[in-house]
N, C-alpha and C. Protein backbone atom coordinates (compact mmCIF):
# COMPACT_ATOMS: atom_id res chain seq x y z
N MET A 1 -4.59 -17.34 9.89
CA MET A 1 -3.89 -16.16 9.56
C MET A 1 -3.96 -15.97 8.04
N ALA A 2 -4.05 -14.64 7.65
CA ALA A 2 -4.20 -14.35 6.19
C ALA A 2 -3.42 -13.13 6.05
N ALA A 3 -2.87 -12.97 4.80
CA ALA A 3 -2.12 -11.70 4.26
C ALA A 3 -2.73 -11.34 3.04
N VAL A 4 -3.17 -10.22 2.98
CA VAL A 4 -3.54 -9.67 1.67
C VAL A 4 -3.02 -8.35 1.33
N ALA A 5 -3.11 -7.90 0.10
CA ALA A 5 -2.52 -6.60 -0.32
C ALA A 5 -3.38 -5.39 -0.25
N ASP A 6 -4.71 -5.48 -0.16
CA ASP A 6 -5.46 -4.28 -0.02
C ASP A 6 -6.65 -4.47 1.06
N GLY A 7 -7.22 -3.45 1.38
CA GLY A 7 -8.28 -3.46 2.41
C GLY A 7 -9.64 -4.16 1.96
N MET A 8 -9.91 -4.04 0.66
CA MET A 8 -11.14 -4.74 0.24
C MET A 8 -10.90 -6.29 0.38
N LYS A 9 -9.72 -6.76 -0.07
CA LYS A 9 -9.44 -8.18 -0.08
C LYS A 9 -9.48 -8.60 1.46
N ALA A 10 -8.92 -7.73 2.34
CA ALA A 10 -8.92 -8.09 3.76
C ALA A 10 -10.32 -8.31 4.31
N TRP A 11 -11.22 -7.33 3.88
CA TRP A 11 -12.58 -7.41 4.32
C TRP A 11 -13.33 -8.60 3.73
N GLY A 12 -12.95 -9.08 2.52
CA GLY A 12 -13.45 -10.22 1.99
C GLY A 12 -13.04 -11.53 2.61
N VAL A 13 -11.81 -11.49 3.00
CA VAL A 13 -11.16 -12.79 3.70
C VAL A 13 -11.95 -12.76 5.10
N MET A 14 -12.12 -11.71 5.66
CA MET A 14 -12.77 -11.79 7.03
C MET A 14 -14.19 -12.29 7.07
N ARG A 15 -14.92 -11.83 5.90
CA ARG A 15 -16.23 -12.40 5.70
C ARG A 15 -16.32 -13.85 5.38
N GLU A 16 -15.32 -14.21 4.44
CA GLU A 16 -15.20 -15.72 4.00
C GLU A 16 -14.91 -16.62 5.26
N ARG A 17 -14.17 -16.14 6.15
CA ARG A 17 -13.73 -17.09 7.30
C ARG A 17 -14.67 -16.72 8.52
N ALA A 18 -15.67 -16.20 8.36
CA ALA A 18 -16.78 -15.93 9.34
C ALA A 18 -16.22 -15.12 10.43
N TYR A 19 -15.30 -14.13 10.09
CA TYR A 19 -14.79 -13.28 11.16
C TYR A 19 -14.03 -14.01 12.21
N ALA A 20 -13.45 -15.13 11.95
CA ALA A 20 -12.72 -16.01 12.94
C ALA A 20 -11.29 -15.52 13.05
N PHE A 21 -11.05 -14.26 13.45
CA PHE A 21 -9.62 -13.79 13.71
C PHE A 21 -9.54 -13.30 15.07
N ALA A 22 -8.36 -13.54 15.67
CA ALA A 22 -8.17 -13.09 16.99
C ALA A 22 -7.52 -11.61 16.94
N LEU A 23 -7.08 -11.22 15.91
CA LEU A 23 -6.45 -9.91 15.76
C LEU A 23 -6.28 -9.46 14.30
N VAL A 24 -6.50 -8.24 14.06
CA VAL A 24 -6.20 -7.64 12.69
C VAL A 24 -5.17 -6.82 12.73
N LEU A 25 -4.19 -6.87 11.90
CA LEU A 25 -3.03 -5.92 11.70
C LEU A 25 -3.26 -5.25 10.35
N THR A 26 -3.23 -3.86 10.37
CA THR A 26 -3.60 -3.24 9.10
C THR A 26 -2.62 -1.97 8.88
N GLU A 27 -2.51 -1.63 7.73
CA GLU A 27 -1.84 -0.41 7.33
C GLU A 27 -2.92 0.67 7.03
N VAL A 28 -2.67 1.81 7.39
CA VAL A 28 -3.77 2.86 7.02
C VAL A 28 -3.86 3.08 5.45
N THR A 29 -2.71 3.23 4.91
CA THR A 29 -2.69 3.44 3.41
C THR A 29 -2.67 2.22 2.67
N MET A 30 -3.86 1.72 2.11
CA MET A 30 -3.92 0.52 1.34
C MET A 30 -4.78 0.91 0.11
N PRO A 31 -4.51 0.18 -1.03
CA PRO A 31 -5.45 0.26 -2.22
C PRO A 31 -6.82 -0.17 -1.90
N THR A 32 -7.83 0.30 -2.73
CA THR A 32 -9.21 0.05 -2.76
C THR A 32 -10.03 0.24 -1.53
N LEU A 33 -9.41 -0.03 -0.32
CA LEU A 33 -10.17 0.17 0.85
C LEU A 33 -8.99 0.54 2.00
N SER A 34 -9.12 1.83 2.55
CA SER A 34 -8.09 2.26 3.40
C SER A 34 -8.21 1.54 4.78
N GLY A 35 -7.10 1.50 5.54
CA GLY A 35 -7.17 0.98 6.85
C GLY A 35 -8.24 1.61 7.75
N ILE A 36 -8.52 2.94 7.51
CA ILE A 36 -9.65 3.65 8.32
C ILE A 36 -11.00 3.02 7.83
N GLU A 37 -11.15 2.85 6.58
CA GLU A 37 -12.41 2.33 6.02
C GLU A 37 -12.55 0.89 6.52
N LEU A 38 -11.47 0.13 6.49
CA LEU A 38 -11.56 -1.28 7.10
C LEU A 38 -11.88 -1.17 8.54
N LEU A 39 -11.31 -0.42 9.30
CA LEU A 39 -11.65 -0.29 10.76
C LEU A 39 -13.15 0.05 10.92
N SER A 40 -13.59 0.97 10.08
CA SER A 40 -14.96 1.40 10.19
C SER A 40 -15.82 0.20 9.90
N ARG A 41 -15.50 -0.64 8.97
CA ARG A 41 -16.37 -1.84 8.75
C ARG A 41 -16.36 -2.77 9.86
N ILE A 42 -15.15 -3.04 10.46
CA ILE A 42 -14.91 -3.89 11.51
C ILE A 42 -15.86 -3.48 12.74
N VAL A 43 -15.60 -2.22 13.16
CA VAL A 43 -16.31 -1.77 14.42
C VAL A 43 -17.96 -1.67 14.14
N ALA A 44 -18.25 -1.59 12.86
CA ALA A 44 -19.79 -1.46 12.60
C ALA A 44 -20.44 -2.77 12.53
N SER A 45 -19.66 -3.85 12.46
CA SER A 45 -20.17 -5.26 12.29
C SER A 45 -20.23 -5.85 13.49
N ASP A 46 -21.53 -6.34 13.91
CA ASP A 46 -21.67 -7.07 15.11
C ASP A 46 -20.89 -8.45 15.28
N GLU A 47 -20.57 -9.03 14.06
CA GLU A 47 -19.75 -10.21 14.04
C GLU A 47 -18.31 -10.13 14.41
N CYS A 48 -17.78 -8.87 14.14
CA CYS A 48 -16.38 -8.70 14.32
C CYS A 48 -15.98 -7.43 15.16
N LYS A 49 -16.94 -6.69 15.70
CA LYS A 49 -16.45 -5.43 16.37
C LYS A 49 -15.65 -5.63 17.56
N ASN A 50 -15.56 -6.86 18.23
CA ASN A 50 -14.78 -7.10 19.25
C ASN A 50 -13.40 -7.60 19.03
N ILE A 51 -13.01 -7.70 17.61
CA ILE A 51 -11.67 -8.16 17.27
C ILE A 51 -10.79 -6.91 17.46
N PRO A 52 -9.76 -7.16 18.16
CA PRO A 52 -8.68 -6.07 18.36
C PRO A 52 -7.99 -5.79 16.90
N VAL A 53 -7.68 -4.48 16.78
CA VAL A 53 -7.14 -3.97 15.55
C VAL A 53 -5.90 -3.14 15.85
N ILE A 54 -4.68 -3.57 15.32
CA ILE A 54 -3.47 -2.73 15.34
C ILE A 54 -3.26 -2.19 14.12
N SER A 55 -3.21 -0.91 13.91
CA SER A 55 -3.00 -0.25 12.67
C SER A 55 -1.75 0.70 12.66
N LYS A 56 -0.98 0.51 11.68
CA LYS A 56 0.19 1.42 11.45
C LYS A 56 -0.25 2.64 10.74
N LEU A 57 -0.01 3.78 11.37
CA LEU A 57 -0.60 4.95 10.70
C LEU A 57 0.47 6.12 10.90
N PRO A 58 0.50 7.01 9.88
CA PRO A 58 1.30 8.10 10.03
C PRO A 58 0.58 9.22 10.95
N PHE A 59 1.41 10.13 11.42
CA PHE A 59 0.77 11.12 12.47
C PHE A 59 -0.35 11.95 11.88
N ASP A 60 -0.19 12.32 10.52
CA ASP A 60 -1.14 13.19 10.12
C ASP A 60 -2.58 12.48 9.93
N VAL A 61 -2.63 11.20 10.07
CA VAL A 61 -3.97 10.51 9.96
C VAL A 61 -4.68 10.29 11.30
N LEU A 62 -4.01 10.64 12.29
CA LEU A 62 -4.58 10.54 13.71
C LEU A 62 -5.93 10.94 13.81
N PRO A 63 -6.17 12.31 13.47
CA PRO A 63 -7.54 12.73 13.79
C PRO A 63 -8.66 12.00 13.10
N ASN A 64 -8.48 11.44 11.77
CA ASN A 64 -9.45 10.64 11.07
C ASN A 64 -9.66 9.33 11.74
N PHE A 65 -8.54 8.77 12.19
CA PHE A 65 -8.53 7.51 12.88
C PHE A 65 -9.28 7.49 14.11
N PHE A 66 -9.06 8.63 15.04
CA PHE A 66 -9.77 8.71 16.29
C PHE A 66 -11.22 9.06 16.10
N SER A 67 -11.62 9.66 14.96
CA SER A 67 -12.97 10.01 14.72
C SER A 67 -13.75 8.81 14.50
N VAL A 68 -13.20 7.76 13.84
CA VAL A 68 -13.84 6.53 13.50
C VAL A 68 -14.05 5.83 15.02
N LEU A 69 -12.99 5.67 15.82
CA LEU A 69 -13.22 5.09 17.09
C LEU A 69 -14.32 5.78 17.86
N VAL A 70 -14.35 7.08 17.87
CA VAL A 70 -15.38 7.86 18.69
C VAL A 70 -16.73 7.59 18.21
N ASP A 71 -16.94 7.57 16.86
CA ASP A 71 -18.14 7.26 16.18
C ASP A 71 -18.90 6.09 16.69
N PHE A 72 -17.88 5.04 16.86
CA PHE A 72 -18.34 3.54 17.16
C PHE A 72 -18.30 3.16 18.55
N SER A 73 -17.87 4.14 19.47
CA SER A 73 -17.64 3.84 20.87
C SER A 73 -18.93 3.92 21.60
């Protein structure tokens, strides 16, 4: 388990730990790398694209969030 304050740190921790996570919990609004950008990196990476992601997001972000999922499905 790891807790970090921003998306870029989250991505760094995932890489440092060889993507050995069973689940990622993220907020959409984060400094340096948004939750949507983090999700994009996760689903684009062969090493971690199968890690489930739960994201807290405001209603107005839904179209962008779903476009990421469609792009990588």
